[in-house]
N, C-alpha and C. Protein backbone atom coordinates (compact mmCIF):
# COMPACT_ATOMS: atom_id res chain seq x y z
N MET A 1 11.68 18.70 18.19
CA MET A 1 12.26 17.75 17.71
C MET A 1 12.73 18.22 16.31
N GLU A 2 14.25 18.26 16.39
CA GLU A 2 14.80 19.32 14.85
C GLU A 2 14.82 18.57 13.48
N THR A 3 15.11 18.96 12.73
CA THR A 3 14.82 18.71 11.34
C THR A 3 15.67 17.50 11.02
N GLY A 4 16.72 17.42 11.47
CA GLY A 4 17.96 16.17 11.36
C GLY A 4 17.41 14.98 12.00
N GLU A 5 16.62 15.00 13.43
CA GLU A 5 16.21 13.99 13.89
C GLU A 5 15.06 13.40 13.26
N LEU A 6 13.99 14.43 12.93
CA LEU A 6 12.91 14.21 12.21
C LEU A 6 13.20 13.47 10.73
N VAL A 7 14.23 13.48 10.04
CA VAL A 7 14.87 13.26 8.70
C VAL A 7 15.15 11.74 9.08
N GLN A 8 16.13 11.67 10.42
CA GLN A 8 17.02 9.92 10.43
C GLN A 8 15.23 9.44 11.06
N LEU A 9 14.11 9.84 11.54
CA LEU A 9 13.07 9.11 11.98
C LEU A 9 12.64 8.71 10.62
N LEU A 10 11.99 9.51 9.89
CA LEU A 10 11.36 9.08 8.45
C LEU A 10 12.64 8.09 7.79
N LEU A 11 13.89 8.21 7.70
CA LEU A 11 14.78 7.35 7.21
C LEU A 11 14.71 6.01 7.71
N HIS A 12 14.57 5.49 9.05
CA HIS A 12 14.67 4.53 9.98
C HIS A 12 13.06 3.80 9.23
N GLN A 13 12.13 4.80 9.12
CA GLN A 13 10.92 4.28 8.72
C GLN A 13 10.91 3.84 7.19
N GLY A 14 11.55 4.58 6.37
CA GLY A 14 11.87 4.38 4.84
C GLY A 14 12.17 2.87 5.17
N LEU A 15 13.50 2.83 5.75
CA LEU A 15 14.19 1.50 5.55
C LEU A 15 13.41 0.00 5.80
N ALA A 16 12.36 0.57 6.55
CA ALA A 16 11.75 -0.72 7.29
C ALA A 16 10.76 -1.28 6.05
N VAL A 17 10.54 -0.08 5.16
CA VAL A 17 9.55 -0.62 4.18
C VAL A 17 10.01 -1.20 2.83
N VAL A 18 11.34 -0.89 3.11
CA VAL A 18 12.32 -1.32 1.48
C VAL A 18 11.82 -2.87 0.68
N PRO A 19 11.61 -3.69 1.88
CA PRO A 19 11.20 -5.19 1.17
C PRO A 19 10.17 -4.87 0.71
N SER A 20 8.91 -4.19 1.34
CA SER A 20 7.41 -4.12 0.82
C SER A 20 7.81 -3.57 -0.50
N LEU A 21 8.50 -2.27 -0.62
CA LEU A 21 8.47 -1.54 -1.94
C LEU A 21 9.05 -2.24 -2.90
N VAL A 22 10.01 -2.99 -2.46
CA VAL A 22 11.12 -4.00 -3.98
C VAL A 22 9.93 -4.87 -4.25
N GLY A 23 9.14 -5.53 -3.17
CA GLY A 23 8.02 -6.48 -3.99
C GLY A 23 6.91 -6.03 -4.84
N TRP A 24 6.43 -4.77 -4.38
CA TRP A 24 5.15 -3.94 -5.16
C TRP A 24 5.55 -3.65 -6.07
N THR A 25 6.72 -3.03 -6.08
CA THR A 25 7.38 -2.50 -7.35
C THR A 25 7.65 -3.51 -8.43
N GLY A 26 7.91 -4.84 -8.16
CA GLY A 26 8.31 -6.04 -8.85
C GLY A 26 6.87 -6.46 -9.50
N ALA A 27 5.66 -6.41 -8.88
CA ALA A 27 4.67 -6.81 -8.68
C ALA A 27 3.92 -5.79 -10.11
N VAL A 28 4.02 -4.44 -9.93
CA VAL A 28 3.80 -3.66 -10.84
C VAL A 28 4.43 -3.80 -12.27
N VAL A 29 5.57 -3.96 -12.24
CA VAL A 29 6.53 -4.09 -13.53
C VAL A 29 6.34 -5.62 -14.24
N VAL A 30 5.85 -6.70 -13.43
CA VAL A 30 5.40 -7.88 -13.89
C VAL A 30 4.09 -7.54 -14.56
N ALA A 31 3.07 -6.95 -13.69
CA ALA A 31 1.86 -6.80 -14.32
C ALA A 31 1.51 -6.04 -15.79
N MET A 32 2.67 -4.90 -15.59
CA MET A 32 2.79 -4.14 -16.96
C MET A 32 3.44 -4.78 -18.24
N ILE A 33 4.45 -5.76 -17.84
CA ILE A 33 4.80 -6.80 -19.00
C ILE A 33 3.56 -7.33 -19.44
N LEU A 34 2.92 -7.91 -18.55
CA LEU A 34 1.76 -8.91 -18.90
C LEU A 34 0.79 -8.33 -19.51
N LEU A 35 0.33 -7.00 -19.32
CA LEU A 35 -0.28 -6.22 -20.10
C LEU A 35 -0.03 -5.80 -21.40
N ARG A 36 1.07 -5.66 -21.41
CA ARG A 36 1.69 -5.27 -22.61
C ARG A 36 1.89 -6.43 -23.73
N ARG A 37 1.65 -7.77 -23.26
CA ARG A 37 1.96 -8.84 -24.07
C ARG A 37 0.28 -9.45 -24.41
N GLY A 38 -0.92 -8.21 -23.89
CA GLY A 38 -1.88 -8.53 -24.75
C GLY A 38 -3.03 -9.16 -23.34
N GLY A 39 -2.41 -8.50 -22.07
CA GLY A 39 -3.02 -9.38 -20.66
C GLY A 39 -4.79 -8.63 -20.97
N GLU A 40 -5.39 -9.00 -20.05
CA GLU A 40 -6.85 -9.00 -19.99
C GLU A 40 -7.04 -7.97 -19.03
N LYS A 41 -8.59 -8.37 -18.21
CA LYS A 41 -8.90 -7.92 -17.35
C LYS A 41 -7.96 -8.34 -16.02
N ALA A 42 -7.76 -9.77 -15.60
CA ALA A 42 -7.05 -10.15 -14.78
C ALA A 42 -5.71 -9.43 -14.54
N GLU A 43 -5.16 -8.91 -15.54
CA GLU A 43 -3.87 -8.49 -15.36
C GLU A 43 -4.06 -6.66 -15.19
N LEU A 44 -5.05 -6.24 -15.62
CA LEU A 44 -5.30 -4.98 -15.06
C LEU A 44 -5.44 -4.71 -13.81
N LEU A 45 -6.28 -5.56 -13.35
CA LEU A 45 -6.58 -5.73 -11.96
C LEU A 45 -5.30 -6.12 -10.97
N LEU A 46 -4.39 -6.82 -11.48
CA LEU A 46 -3.33 -7.22 -10.84
C LEU A 46 -2.38 -5.74 -10.78
N LEU A 47 -2.23 -4.92 -11.95
CA LEU A 47 -1.87 -3.94 -11.89
C LEU A 47 -2.20 -2.67 -10.98
N VAL A 48 -3.63 -2.71 -11.20
CA VAL A 48 -4.24 -1.52 -10.22
C VAL A 48 -3.64 -1.81 -8.46
N GLY A 49 -4.07 -3.25 -8.19
CA GLY A 49 -4.04 -3.64 -6.87
C GLY A 49 -2.50 -3.52 -6.66
N ALA A 50 -1.66 -3.94 -7.29
CA ALA A 50 -0.25 -3.57 -6.91
C ALA A 50 0.13 -2.16 -6.82
N CYS A 51 -0.44 -1.58 -7.53
CA CYS A 51 -0.04 0.31 -7.32
C CYS A 51 -0.86 0.53 -5.98
N LEU A 52 -2.05 0.06 -5.80
CA LEU A 52 -2.41 0.69 -4.56
C LEU A 52 -1.80 0.24 -3.36
N MET A 53 -1.33 -0.88 -3.44
CA MET A 53 -0.43 -1.56 -2.48
C MET A 53 0.89 -0.93 -2.16
N LEU A 54 1.24 -0.22 -3.56
CA LEU A 54 2.75 0.26 -3.89
C LEU A 54 2.61 1.68 -2.97
N VAL A 55 1.10 2.61 -3.58
CA VAL A 55 1.06 3.72 -2.85
C VAL A 55 0.90 3.52 -1.04
N ALA A 56 0.39 2.58 -0.74
CA ALA A 56 0.04 2.45 0.57
C ALA A 56 1.10 2.30 1.14
N THR A 57 2.20 1.69 0.80
CA THR A 57 3.47 1.47 1.27
C THR A 57 4.29 2.90 1.33
N LEU A 58 4.27 3.31 0.13
CA LEU A 58 4.96 5.03 0.07
C LEU A 58 4.48 5.62 1.38
N LEU A 59 2.85 5.98 1.70
CA LEU A 59 2.33 6.39 2.35
C LEU A 59 2.56 6.27 3.72
N GLN A 60 3.17 4.59 4.12
CA GLN A 60 3.35 4.51 5.86
C GLN A 60 4.54 5.34 6.20
N ILE A 61 5.56 5.73 5.00
CA ILE A 61 6.69 6.25 5.67
C ILE A 61 6.65 7.38 6.31
N PRO A 62 5.47 8.15 6.13
CA PRO A 62 5.42 9.63 7.13
C PRO A 62 4.77 9.59 8.33
N VAL A 63 4.13 8.27 8.59
CA VAL A 63 3.33 8.04 9.78
C VAL A 63 4.35 8.45 11.21
N ALA A 64 5.68 7.83 11.12
CA ALA A 64 6.36 7.92 12.03
C ALA A 64 6.35 9.40 12.28
N GLY A 65 6.81 10.55 11.73
CA GLY A 65 7.01 11.51 11.75
C GLY A 65 6.16 12.73 11.55
N ILE A 66 4.65 12.15 11.88
CA ILE A 66 3.56 13.11 12.02
C ILE A 66 3.29 13.51 13.92
N PRO A 67 3.57 12.66 14.31
CA PRO A 67 3.19 13.20 16.14
C PRO A 67 4.74 13.86 16.53
N PRO A 68 5.73 14.06 16.12
CA PRO A 68 6.73 14.58 16.57
C PRO A 68 6.33 16.29 15.90
N TYR A 69 6.30 15.86 14.45
CA TYR A 69 6.20 17.23 13.50
C TYR A 69 4.93 17.94 14.24
N LEU A 70 3.75 17.41 14.41
CA LEU A 70 2.80 18.17 15.25
C LEU A 70 2.95 18.41 16.13
N MET A 71 3.63 18.07 17.33
CA MET A 71 3.61 18.31 18.77
C MET A 71 4.47 19.47 18.87
N ASP A 72 5.76 19.51 17.73
CA ASP A 72 6.57 20.89 17.76
C ASP A 72 6.05 21.95 17.11
N ARG A 73 4.81 21.69 16.40
CA ARG A 73 4.01 22.64 16.00
C ARG A 73 3.17 23.60 17.09
N GLY A 74 2.87 22.89 18.51
CA GLY A 74 2.07 23.39 19.48
C GLY A 74 0.55 22.59 19.52
N TRP A 75 0.57 21.12 18.89
CA TRP A 75 -0.57 20.62 18.61
C TRP A 75 -0.18 19.71 20.18
N GLN A 76 -1.47 19.34 20.58
CA GLN A 76 -1.73 18.29 22.03
C GLN A 76 -1.34 17.03 21.23
N MET A 77 -0.93 15.97 22.32
CA MET A 77 -0.69 14.75 22.06
C MET A 77 -1.94 14.20 21.43
N GLN A 78 -3.05 14.15 22.00
CA GLN A 78 -4.06 13.80 21.66
C GLN A 78 -4.44 13.94 20.33
N SER A 79 -4.41 15.18 20.05
CA SER A 79 -4.58 15.84 18.40
C SER A 79 -3.57 15.06 17.27
N ALA A 80 -2.56 14.84 17.92
CA ALA A 80 -1.67 14.37 16.84
C ALA A 80 -1.52 12.79 16.66
N VAL A 81 -2.32 11.90 17.76
CA VAL A 81 -2.20 10.77 17.79
C VAL A 81 -3.63 10.73 16.88
N ARG A 82 -4.67 11.17 16.99
CA ARG A 82 -6.10 11.54 16.24
C ARG A 82 -5.32 11.30 14.93
N ILE A 83 -4.70 12.32 14.31
CA ILE A 83 -4.38 12.54 12.93
C ILE A 83 -3.67 11.34 12.44
N VAL A 84 -2.89 10.83 13.22
CA VAL A 84 -2.18 9.32 12.93
C VAL A 84 -3.04 8.34 12.74
N SER A 85 -4.36 8.65 13.69
CA SER A 85 -5.08 7.35 13.30
C SER A 85 -6.25 7.49 12.21
N TRP A 86 -6.53 8.66 11.75
CA TRP A 86 -6.93 8.90 10.54
C TRP A 86 -6.05 8.55 9.66
N TRP A 87 -5.06 9.02 9.68
CA TRP A 87 -3.92 8.04 8.40
C TRP A 87 -3.73 6.64 8.04
N SER A 88 -3.56 6.27 9.29
CA SER A 88 -3.63 4.42 9.71
C SER A 88 -4.77 4.19 8.92
N MET A 89 -5.84 4.87 9.11
CA MET A 89 -7.05 4.27 8.90
C MET A 89 -7.41 4.21 7.13
N GLY A 90 -6.95 5.53 6.63
CA GLY A 90 -6.96 5.61 5.08
C GLY A 90 -5.99 4.68 4.49
N LEU A 91 -4.44 4.42 4.96
CA LEU A 91 -3.80 3.61 4.67
C LEU A 91 -4.51 1.99 4.56
N GLY A 92 -5.48 1.75 5.71
CA GLY A 92 -6.00 0.62 5.74
C GLY A 92 -7.07 0.31 4.73
N VAL A 93 -8.00 1.14 4.63
CA VAL A 93 -9.02 1.10 3.22
C VAL A 93 -8.10 1.08 2.02
N LEU A 94 -6.86 1.69 1.93
CA LEU A 94 -6.27 1.75 0.59
C LEU A 94 -5.66 0.40 0.54
N ARG A 95 -5.00 0.12 1.66
CA ARG A 95 -4.73 -1.66 1.75
C ARG A 95 -5.83 -2.43 1.05
N LEU A 96 -6.95 -2.67 1.50
CA LEU A 96 -8.10 -3.33 1.64
C LEU A 96 -8.30 -3.40 0.13
N ALA A 97 -8.88 -2.05 -0.57
CA ALA A 97 -8.82 -1.99 -1.88
C ALA A 97 -7.99 -2.92 -3.00
N GLY A 98 -6.68 -2.47 -2.35
CA GLY A 98 -5.66 -3.53 -3.06
C GLY A 98 -5.35 -4.64 -3.12
N ILE A 99 -5.55 -5.32 -1.87
CA ILE A 99 -6.02 -6.80 -1.79
C ILE A 99 -7.48 -7.44 -2.53
N ALA A 100 -8.48 -6.35 -2.22
CA ALA A 100 -9.42 -6.84 -3.33
C ALA A 100 -9.26 -6.87 -4.76
N CYS A 101 -8.51 -6.15 -5.37
CA CYS A 101 -8.39 -6.10 -6.40
C CYS A 101 -7.19 -7.31 -6.80
N LEU A 102 -6.50 -7.58 -5.94
CA LEU A 102 -5.53 -8.85 -6.32
C LEU A 102 -6.40 -10.05 -6.22
N LEU A 103 -7.36 -10.19 -5.40
CA LEU A 103 -7.94 -11.34 -5.05
C LEU A 103 -9.00 -11.38 -6.31
N TYR A 104 -9.78 -10.84 -6.97
CA TYR A 104 -10.11 -10.66 -8.12
C TYR A 104 -9.58 -10.91 -9.11
N ALA A 105 -8.11 -10.38 -9.34
CA ALA A 105 -7.24 -10.88 -10.39
C ALA A 105 -7.11 -12.39 -10.60
N PHE A 106 -7.03 -13.02 -9.11
CA PHE A 106 -6.65 -13.94 -8.93
C PHE A 106 -7.76 -14.92 -9.71
N TRP A 107 -8.95 -14.51 -8.97
CA TRP A 107 -10.28 -15.07 -8.83
C TRP A 107 -10.47 -15.24 -10.73
N THR A 108 -10.36 -14.17 -11.13
CA THR A 108 -10.72 -13.88 -12.80
C THR A 108 -9.68 -14.52 -13.52
N ARG A 109 -8.58 -14.64 -13.39
CA ARG A 109 -7.29 -15.32 -14.05
C ARG A 109 -7.69 -16.96 -13.98
N PHE A 110 -7.66 -17.49 -12.79
CA PHE A 110 -7.83 -19.09 -12.78
C PHE A 110 -9.43 -19.31 -12.96
N GLU A 111 -10.12 -18.42 -13.18
CA GLU A 111 -11.61 -18.91 -13.09
C GLU A 111 -11.70 -19.88 -11.96
N VAL A 112 -11.66 -19.26 -10.89
CA VAL A 112 -11.88 -19.93 -9.63
C VAL A 112 -13.31 -20.47 -9.62
N GLY A 113 -14.16 -19.13 -9.93
CA GLY A 113 -15.80 -19.43 -10.00
C GLY A 113 -16.08 -20.78 -10.68
N LYS A 114 -15.69 -20.83 -11.75
CA LYS A 114 -16.21 -22.12 -12.84
C LYS A 114 -15.76 -23.11 -12.23
N ALA A 115 -14.51 -23.45 -11.73
CA ALA A 115 -14.29 -24.51 -11.06
C ALA A 115 -14.93 -25.25 -9.76
N LEU A 116 -15.22 -24.01 -8.97
CA LEU A 116 -16.04 -24.31 -7.70
C LEU A 116 -17.64 -24.73 -8.49
N ARG A 117 -18.18 -24.34 -9.65
CA ARG A 117 -19.56 -24.63 -9.66
C ARG A 117 -19.44 -26.09 -10.22
N GLN A 118 -18.37 -26.67 -11.09
CA GLN A 118 -18.13 -27.63 -11.93
C GLN A 118 -18.04 -28.90 -10.43
N GLN A 119 -17.63 -28.42 -9.30
CA GLN A 119 -17.13 -29.70 -8.43
C GLN A 119 -18.78 -29.75 -7.43
N ALA A 120 -19.68 -28.33 -7.47
CA ALA A 120 -20.64 -28.82 -7.13
C ALA A 120 -22.29 -29.84 -7.80
């Protein structure tokens, strides 16, 4: 695969994640504004979760280019797929951590635990 084809493949993958990038960048900006205005633990967790999701979205872009790049370097298809699999699993763990932070921020901010205890 030529360099131009690889760049085109990565550009298409980058265009596919633009909506997520815009959304998570907006969440990071909002969380930073909330923190600067006296935010507490919930806002910090919102910032951490949004940053984790933003990083995971950015790291998703090179996934499409890994197999062709490695196969051009003489790797077997199974080895290239194994690398992509590990990369994707790492992204999944990163996203899971981001979602956990976002859920805990919601839980903390709106005191869901207290509301549930009062209903019981």
